[in-house]
Amino acid sequence: MERRLLRRCLLIACIIAGHLIFVIGGCQQRKPQEKGRQPVSNQPSSPRVEARFKAARIIWHDEHGNRLFEARFDKAEASQEGQTAVVRLRNVSAQLYSGGKPASMLTAREVIADSRTEEVRASGGAKVVSISGNVSASAGRIVWKAQQDKLIGYDNVLLARDSLLVKAQSIVADTRLGKATLTGGAELSLSE
């Protein structure tokens, strides 16, 4: 499921890159050559292709057509080695789904989706907020395992629910943040 999507993303990126190379290479203006002078090129020997998108997004579905993940991002990179495809997204805001229904929102500076591990890994200000908005979890790193309906957070975890605030080293929760287990020196505080 995720492999097919990652392969499609890679294929689309390759098509866009190929089109850009064709367009850029075919549209360069050529100056008339003076006698006795060799043409000088300021262009690098291999073309550098960069694609920019406005309001770009990726939507993933499971094998039954249920939506799993919908992400908006500023920048994307895709690579593939053998059967493993990896997509790296920057400045991400993503809707996570559980049972085909919206469950929570994930925001992070970087998100990596890996087809081999079938995981989504978020880092850099990673935060998940339940769809109801009354529960949030932030951590140095958050891993989402869609098939297991599981979020795992590491490094300086902060769980907030209404006026309750819990600090810990790690968290394991369902995608909706309805149930959570915190470990590693948990500190509890209540705000008024």
Protein backbone atom coordinates (compact mmCIF):
# COMPACT_ATOMS: atom_id res chain seq x y z
CA MET A 1 0.00 0.00 0.00
CA GLU A 2 2.55 2.59 1.09
CA ARG A 3 5.09 1.10 -1.31
CA ARG A 4 2.76 1.71 -4.23
CA LEU A 5 2.19 5.30 -3.14
CA LEU A 6 5.88 5.95 -2.61
CA ARG A 7 6.65 4.45 -6.03
CA ARG A 8 3.98 6.68 -7.60
CA CYS A 9 5.47 9.75 -5.89
CA LEU A 10 8.92 8.80 -7.15
CA LEU A 11 7.58 8.24 -10.67
CA ILE A 12 5.81 11.62 -10.65
CA ALA A 13 8.97 13.34 -9.39
CA CYS A 14 10.99 11.67 -12.19
CA ILE A 15 8.43 12.70 -14.82
CA ILE A 16 8.47 16.30 -13.57
CA ALA A 17 12.28 16.30 -13.48
CA GLY A 18 12.49 14.86 -17.01
CA HIS A 19 10.01 17.41 -18.31
CA LEU A 20 11.93 20.25 -16.67
CA ILE A 21 15.22 19.03 -18.17
CA PHE A 22 13.60 18.84 -21.61
CA VAL A 23 12.00 22.27 -21.30
CA ILE A 24 15.08 23.95 -19.81
CA GLY A 25 17.45 22.31 -22.30
CA GLY A 26 15.23 23.09 -25.30
CA CYS A 27 14.48 26.69 -24.38
CA GLN A 28 17.99 28.03 -23.84
CA GLN A 29 18.85 30.89 -26.13
CA ARG A 30 22.00 30.31 -28.13
CA LYS A 31 24.24 33.23 -29.07
CA PRO A 32 25.83 33.29 -32.49
CA GLN A 33 29.36 31.97 -32.31
CA GLU A 34 32.22 34.28 -33.27
CA LYS A 35 34.84 32.88 -35.66
CA GLY A 36 37.76 31.26 -33.89
CA ARG A 37 36.09 31.21 -30.44
CA GLN A 38 34.95 28.11 -28.67
CA PRO A 39 31.55 28.34 -26.95
CA VAL A 40 31.82 28.93 -23.21
CA SER A 41 29.12 27.47 -21.02
CA ASN A 42 28.29 28.79 -17.59
CA GLN A 43 26.01 25.80 -17.11
CA PRO A 44 27.16 22.94 -14.85
CA SER A 45 28.04 19.72 -16.65
CA SER A 46 25.03 17.92 -15.15
CA PRO A 47 21.69 19.72 -14.85
CA ARG A 48 20.31 20.51 -11.42
CA VAL A 49 16.57 20.11 -11.29
CA GLU A 50 14.43 21.59 -8.57
CA ALA A 51 10.65 21.55 -8.48
CA ARG A 52 8.66 23.90 -6.27
CA PHE A 53 5.04 23.37 -5.41
CA LYS A 54 2.47 25.65 -3.91
CA ALA A 55 0.08 23.88 -1.52
CA ALA A 56 1.58 20.49 -2.35
CA ARG A 57 0.12 17.44 -0.61
CA ILE A 58 0.35 13.68 -0.48
CA ILE A 59 -2.58 11.40 0.30
CA TRP A 60 -2.07 7.73 1.21
CA HIS A 61 -4.74 5.04 1.21
CA ASP A 62 -4.66 1.47 2.50
CA GLU A 63 -5.36 -1.58 0.32
CA HIS A 64 -9.11 -1.13 0.96
CA GLY A 65 -9.13 2.48 -0.19
CA ASN A 66 -9.38 3.97 3.32
CA ARG A 67 -7.45 7.18 3.78
CA LEU A 68 -4.48 6.83 6.15
CA PHE A 69 -2.44 10.00 5.82
CA GLU A 70 -2.83 13.38 4.14
CA ALA A 71 0.13 15.73 4.33
CA ARG A 72 0.82 19.26 3.19
CA PHE A 73 4.46 20.29 2.94
CA ASP A 74 6.91 22.88 1.62
CA LYS A 75 9.52 20.58 0.11
CA ALA A 76 9.75 16.90 -0.82
CA GLU A 77 12.52 14.49 -1.82
CA ALA A 78 11.98 10.90 -2.95
CA SER A 79 14.44 8.06 -3.44
CA GLN A 80 14.28 4.35 -4.11
CA GLU A 81 16.77 1.54 -3.56
CA GLY A 82 15.52 -1.83 -4.75
CA GLN A 83 12.07 -2.34 -3.27
CA THR A 84 12.49 0.38 -0.61
CA ALA A 85 11.12 3.84 -1.34
CA VAL A 86 11.66 6.78 1.00
CA VAL A 87 9.92 10.16 0.90
CA ARG A 88 11.30 13.05 2.95
CA LEU A 89 8.98 16.01 3.54
CA ARG A 90 9.85 19.40 5.10
CA ASN A 91 7.60 21.70 7.14
CA VAL A 92 4.74 19.25 7.34
CA SER A 93 1.17 19.44 8.53
CA ALA A 94 -0.51 16.04 8.23
CA GLN A 95 -3.89 14.56 9.06
CA LEU A 96 -3.57 11.02 10.49
CA TYR A 97 -6.50 8.65 10.02
CA SER A 98 -7.70 5.67 12.00
CA GLY A 99 -10.32 3.36 10.52
CA GLY A 100 -10.65 5.72 7.52
CA LYS A 101 -11.67 8.65 9.77
CA PRO A 102 -9.62 11.68 10.85
CA ALA A 103 -7.91 10.93 14.17
CA SER A 104 -5.22 13.55 14.78
CA MET A 105 -3.00 16.22 13.25
CA LEU A 106 0.78 15.84 13.06
CA THR A 107 3.10 18.81 12.56
CA ALA A 108 6.90 18.67 12.23
CA ARG A 109 9.82 20.28 10.45
CA GLU A 110 10.70 16.91 8.86
CA VAL A 111 8.74 13.75 8.13
CA ILE A 112 10.21 10.61 6.56
CA ALA A 113 7.97 7.86 5.18
CA ASP A 114 9.75 4.55 4.58
CA SER A 115 8.14 1.73 2.60
CA ARG A 116 10.44 -0.96 4.08
CA THR A 117 9.48 -0.25 7.69
CA GLU A 118 6.01 1.05 6.76
CA GLU A 119 6.46 3.90 9.22
CA VAL A 120 6.17 7.66 9.24
CA ARG A 121 8.90 9.31 11.36
CA ALA A 122 8.58 12.95 12.41
CA SER A 123 11.21 15.15 14.03
CA GLY A 124 11.93 18.79 14.69
CA GLY A 125 9.12 20.25 16.76
CA ALA A 126 7.05 17.09 16.26
CA LYS A 127 3.56 17.45 17.73
CA VAL A 128 0.33 15.45 17.46
CA VAL A 129 -3.06 16.94 18.39
CA SER A 130 -6.19 14.81 18.69
CA ILE A 131 -9.02 15.65 16.31
CA SER A 132 -11.09 16.81 19.30
CA GLY A 133 -8.26 19.21 20.16
CA ASN A 134 -8.25 18.49 23.88
CA VAL A 135 -5.18 16.16 23.85
CA SER A 136 -1.73 16.84 22.43
CA ALA A 137 1.66 15.16 22.58
CA SER A 138 4.98 16.66 21.55
CA ALA A 139 8.38 14.97 21.46
CA GLY A 140 11.83 15.15 19.91
CA ARG A 141 10.82 12.29 17.58
CA ILE A 142 7.45 10.73 16.85
CA VAL A 143 6.94 7.48 14.91
CA TRP A 144 3.49 6.63 13.53
CA LYS A 145 2.72 3.01 12.66
CA ALA A 146 -0.54 3.23 10.70
CA GLN A 147 -1.15 -0.52 10.45
CA GLN A 148 -0.85 -0.85 14.23
CA ASP A 149 -2.77 2.39 14.94
CA LYS A 150 0.15 3.41 17.15
CA LEU A 151 2.11 6.59 17.89
CA ILE A 152 5.47 6.32 19.65
CA GLY A 153 7.22 9.43 20.93
CA TYR A 154 10.79 9.73 22.23
CA ASP A 155 12.91 12.42 23.86
CA ASN A 156 11.32 14.99 26.14
CA VAL A 157 7.70 13.97 25.69
CA LEU A 158 5.03 16.38 26.82
CA LEU A 159 1.41 15.16 26.98
CA ALA A 160 -1.30 17.73 27.60
CA ARG A 161 -4.97 16.99 28.22
CA ASP A 162 -7.26 19.77 29.36
CA SER A 163 -5.51 21.08 32.52
CA LEU A 164 -3.26 18.01 32.98
CA LEU A 165 0.37 18.13 31.85
CA VAL A 166 2.69 15.07 31.93
CA LYS A 167 6.42 15.11 31.08
CA ALA A 168 8.21 11.83 30.31
CA GLN A 169 10.96 10.30 28.18
CA SER A 170 8.65 8.22 25.93
CA ILE A 171 5.01 7.66 25.04
CA VAL A 172 3.06 4.92 23.26
CA ALA A 173 -0.47 5.93 22.26
CA ASP A 174 -3.21 5.15 19.77
CA THR A 175 -3.55 7.48 16.77
CA ARG A 176 -6.48 9.35 18.40
CA LEU A 177 -4.46 9.91 21.61
CA GLY A 178 -7.33 8.26 23.48
CA LYS A 179 -5.05 5.85 25.37
CA ALA A 180 -1.43 6.50 26.22
CA THR A 181 1.37 4.96 28.26
CA LEU A 182 4.21 7.24 29.38
CA THR A 183 7.54 5.97 30.72
CA GLY A 184 10.83 7.36 31.97
CA GLY A 185 10.63 9.74 34.93
CA ALA A 186 7.09 10.93 34.34
CA GLU A 187 6.22 14.23 36.03
CA LEU A 188 2.61 15.28 36.45
CA SER A 189 1.36 18.82 36.85
CA LEU A 190 -2.05 20.47 36.85
CA SER A 191 -2.66 23.92 35.43
CA GLU A 192 -5.49 26.14 36.51
